[in-house]
């Protein structure tokens, strides 16, 4: 089996791009991220330093996407990051999913990578979806005014990556502190 190194590099690029400053662009209309009828979850005052990003998503949560290697942890681009890479024989089958905790960066710091960004919510929690062309997507979930959790996906195309990011955010959000 041929080893693929492109996806982890793409995931690292997504992490670094996610913390850059705001860039000009126009938001394109898109449906909001998954939502429920529940009221908005309180998100201020949470102690984010105790959140382990690898506790928010695991290989069993991602089984519908294939077999994943064990998660890797690192600090990158201002976030504590947990990355899961799919075992893939070809580049078109590759998939990398990262969950990053940003203790000092809120939703207002999510950068526009040129395809706009869409605000919405996930299970009542404020969120921002930001495509990362050519093949990535970021879904940021609010933890407070100055903290967030990022779900980063690198796939073979941006639209696919954003669809997966929305589904993974639905897995991650219930595990986040509510207050």
Protein backbone atom coordinates (compact mmCIF):
# COMPACT_ATOMS: atom_id res chain seq x y z
CA UNK A 1 0.00 0.00 0.00
CA UNK A 2 1.31 3.38 -1.00
CA UNK A 3 1.69 5.82 1.93
CA UNK A 4 0.05 9.19 1.57
CA UNK A 5 1.60 12.23 3.19
CA UNK A 6 -0.50 14.85 1.41
CA UNK A 7 -3.50 14.69 3.76
CA UNK A 8 -1.62 15.34 7.03
CA UNK A 9 0.13 18.26 5.35
CA UNK A 10 -3.21 19.57 4.11
CA UNK A 11 -4.66 19.26 7.61
CA UNK A 12 -1.71 21.20 9.04
CA UNK A 13 -2.25 23.91 6.43
CA UNK A 14 -5.92 24.10 7.43
CA UNK A 15 -4.98 24.59 11.07
CA UNK A 16 -2.57 27.38 10.27
CA UNK A 17 -5.04 29.05 7.89
CA UNK A 18 -7.78 28.88 10.51
CA UNK A 19 -5.94 31.26 12.80
CA UNK A 20 -4.96 33.87 10.26
CA UNK A 21 -6.52 37.31 10.26
CA UNK A 22 -9.71 38.17 8.40
CA UNK A 23 -9.32 38.33 4.62
CA UNK A 24 -11.64 40.09 2.22
CA UNK A 25 -14.33 38.02 0.56
CA UNK A 26 -18.05 37.73 0.33
CA UNK A 27 -20.07 35.14 2.15
CA UNK A 28 -22.06 32.91 -0.15
CA UNK A 29 -25.52 31.89 1.01
CA UNK A 30 -25.69 28.39 2.36
CA UNK A 31 -27.97 26.57 4.72
CA UNK A 32 -26.92 26.90 8.35
CA UNK A 33 -25.06 24.08 10.01
CA UNK A 34 -27.12 21.42 11.71
CA UNK A 35 -29.54 22.78 14.20
CA UNK A 36 -32.11 21.54 16.63
CA UNK A 37 -35.19 22.99 18.23
CA UNK A 38 -33.40 23.36 21.55
CA UNK A 39 -32.58 26.81 22.83
CA UNK A 40 -29.11 28.22 22.41
CA UNK A 41 -26.61 26.61 24.75
CA UNK A 42 -24.80 29.00 27.06
CA UNK A 43 -21.17 29.02 26.07
CA UNK A 44 -19.42 31.64 28.15
CA UNK A 45 -17.18 31.03 31.10
CA UNK A 46 -16.10 27.51 30.19
CA UNK A 47 -12.62 26.38 31.22
CA UNK A 48 -11.28 25.37 27.82
CA UNK A 49 -7.80 24.46 29.04
CA UNK A 50 -9.10 21.15 30.39
CA UNK A 51 -10.64 20.04 27.08
CA UNK A 52 -8.68 17.25 25.38
CA UNK A 53 -9.43 17.48 21.64
CA UNK A 54 -8.91 13.71 21.24
CA UNK A 55 -11.79 13.12 23.69
CA UNK A 56 -14.20 14.89 21.34
CA UNK A 57 -14.03 12.45 18.41
CA UNK A 58 -12.57 8.98 17.97
CA UNK A 59 -12.08 6.32 15.32
CA UNK A 60 -15.37 4.62 16.27
CA UNK A 61 -17.24 7.90 15.69
CA UNK A 62 -15.85 7.97 12.15
CA UNK A 63 -16.43 4.32 11.20
CA UNK A 64 -18.92 5.28 8.48
CA UNK A 65 -16.06 6.99 6.60
CA UNK A 66 -13.69 4.00 6.70
CA UNK A 67 -10.83 2.79 8.86
CA UNK A 68 -8.77 5.45 10.61
CA UNK A 69 -5.29 5.31 12.09
CA UNK A 70 -4.96 6.10 15.82
CA UNK A 71 -5.22 9.84 16.54
CA UNK A 72 -2.15 12.05 16.81
CA UNK A 73 -1.91 15.10 19.09
CA UNK A 74 0.08 18.29 18.61
CA UNK A 75 0.07 22.01 19.25
CA UNK A 76 -0.16 23.91 15.98
CA UNK A 77 -1.29 27.36 14.89
CA UNK A 78 -2.49 28.38 18.34
CA UNK A 79 -4.57 25.23 18.91
CA UNK A 80 -4.32 21.93 20.72
CA UNK A 81 -5.01 19.58 17.82
CA UNK A 82 -6.08 15.95 17.47
CA UNK A 83 -5.86 14.53 13.95
CA UNK A 84 -7.31 11.31 12.59
CA UNK A 85 -6.21 10.10 9.16
CA UNK A 86 -8.11 7.54 7.12
CA UNK A 87 -6.18 4.53 5.89
CA UNK A 88 -6.34 5.04 2.12
CA UNK A 89 -4.78 3.36 -0.91
CA UNK A 90 -5.24 6.35 -3.24
CA UNK A 91 -5.33 10.13 -2.89
CA UNK A 92 -9.03 10.23 -3.83
CA UNK A 93 -9.81 7.99 -0.84
CA UNK A 94 -7.79 10.10 1.61
CA UNK A 95 -9.52 11.87 4.46
CA UNK A 96 -8.08 13.76 7.42
CA UNK A 97 -10.20 14.99 10.30
CA UNK A 98 -8.82 17.31 12.95
CA UNK A 99 -10.35 18.74 16.09
CA UNK A 100 -8.60 21.76 17.56
CA UNK A 101 -9.26 23.65 20.79
CA UNK A 102 -8.44 27.37 20.67
CA UNK A 103 -8.39 28.83 24.18
CA UNK A 104 -7.86 32.45 23.09
CA UNK A 105 -9.56 32.74 19.68
CA UNK A 106 -13.31 33.13 19.30
CA UNK A 107 -15.58 32.78 16.28
CA UNK A 108 -14.80 36.36 15.25
CA UNK A 109 -11.23 35.29 14.40
CA UNK A 110 -12.25 32.63 11.84
CA UNK A 111 -10.69 33.72 8.57
CA UNK A 112 -12.30 33.73 5.15
CA UNK A 113 -10.15 31.68 2.77
CA UNK A 114 -11.81 33.21 -0.28
CA UNK A 115 -15.09 31.28 -0.43
CA UNK A 116 -16.86 33.20 2.32
CA UNK A 117 -17.97 31.98 5.70
CA UNK A 118 -21.43 31.16 6.93
CA UNK A 119 -22.71 31.67 10.45
CA UNK A 120 -25.23 29.29 11.93
CA UNK A 121 -25.49 26.91 14.83
CA UNK A 122 -24.95 23.30 15.76
CA UNK A 123 -27.42 22.00 18.33
CA UNK A 124 -28.06 25.60 19.46
CA UNK A 125 -24.36 26.53 19.73
CA UNK A 126 -23.06 29.37 17.56
CA UNK A 127 -20.90 28.13 14.69
CA UNK A 128 -19.09 29.33 11.57
CA UNK A 129 -18.53 27.22 8.45
CA UNK A 130 -15.58 28.31 6.29
CA UNK A 131 -14.62 26.39 3.14
CA UNK A 132 -10.87 26.00 2.64
CA UNK A 133 -10.27 25.39 -1.10
CA UNK A 134 -9.11 23.36 -2.85
CA UNK A 135 -10.19 20.42 -0.66
CA UNK A 136 -10.77 21.45 2.94
CA UNK A 137 -13.31 22.91 5.31
CA UNK A 138 -13.43 24.41 8.80
CA UNK A 139 -16.42 24.30 11.16
CA UNK A 140 -15.78 26.42 14.26
CA UNK A 141 -17.95 25.95 17.37
CA UNK A 142 -18.16 28.69 20.00
CA UNK A 143 -16.95 27.94 23.53
CA UNK A 144 -17.21 31.57 24.63
CA UNK A 145 -16.47 35.00 23.25
CA UNK A 146 -12.76 34.24 23.10
CA UNK A 147 -12.57 30.46 22.67
CA UNK A 148 -13.69 27.89 20.12
CA UNK A 149 -13.34 24.31 18.91
CA UNK A 150 -12.45 23.80 15.25
CA UNK A 151 -13.44 20.77 13.20
CA UNK A 152 -11.07 20.65 10.23
CA UNK A 153 -11.56 18.28 7.31
CA UNK A 154 -9.30 17.64 4.31
CA UNK A 155 -10.85 15.44 1.62
CA UNK A 156 -10.69 15.22 -2.16
CA UNK A 157 -13.00 18.23 -2.69
CA UNK A 158 -14.22 21.21 -0.64
CA UNK A 159 -17.95 20.48 -0.80
CA UNK A 160 -17.40 16.94 0.45
CA UNK A 161 -15.09 18.22 3.21
CA UNK A 162 -17.73 20.71 4.40
CA UNK A 163 -20.43 18.03 4.49
CA UNK A 164 -18.20 15.83 6.64
CA UNK A 165 -17.23 18.80 8.86
CA UNK A 166 -20.92 19.45 9.58
CA UNK A 167 -21.50 15.79 10.52
CA UNK A 168 -18.40 15.65 12.73
CA UNK A 169 -19.49 18.90 14.43
CA UNK A 170 -22.74 17.11 15.36
CA UNK A 171 -20.59 14.46 17.11
CA UNK A 172 -18.31 16.97 18.84
CA UNK A 173 -20.84 19.56 20.05
CA UNK A 174 -22.65 17.46 22.71
CA UNK A 175 -19.27 16.76 24.36
CA UNK A 176 -18.47 20.45 24.83
CA UNK A 177 -19.09 22.34 28.08
CA UNK A 178 -22.38 24.20 28.20
CA UNK A 179 -21.59 26.94 30.62
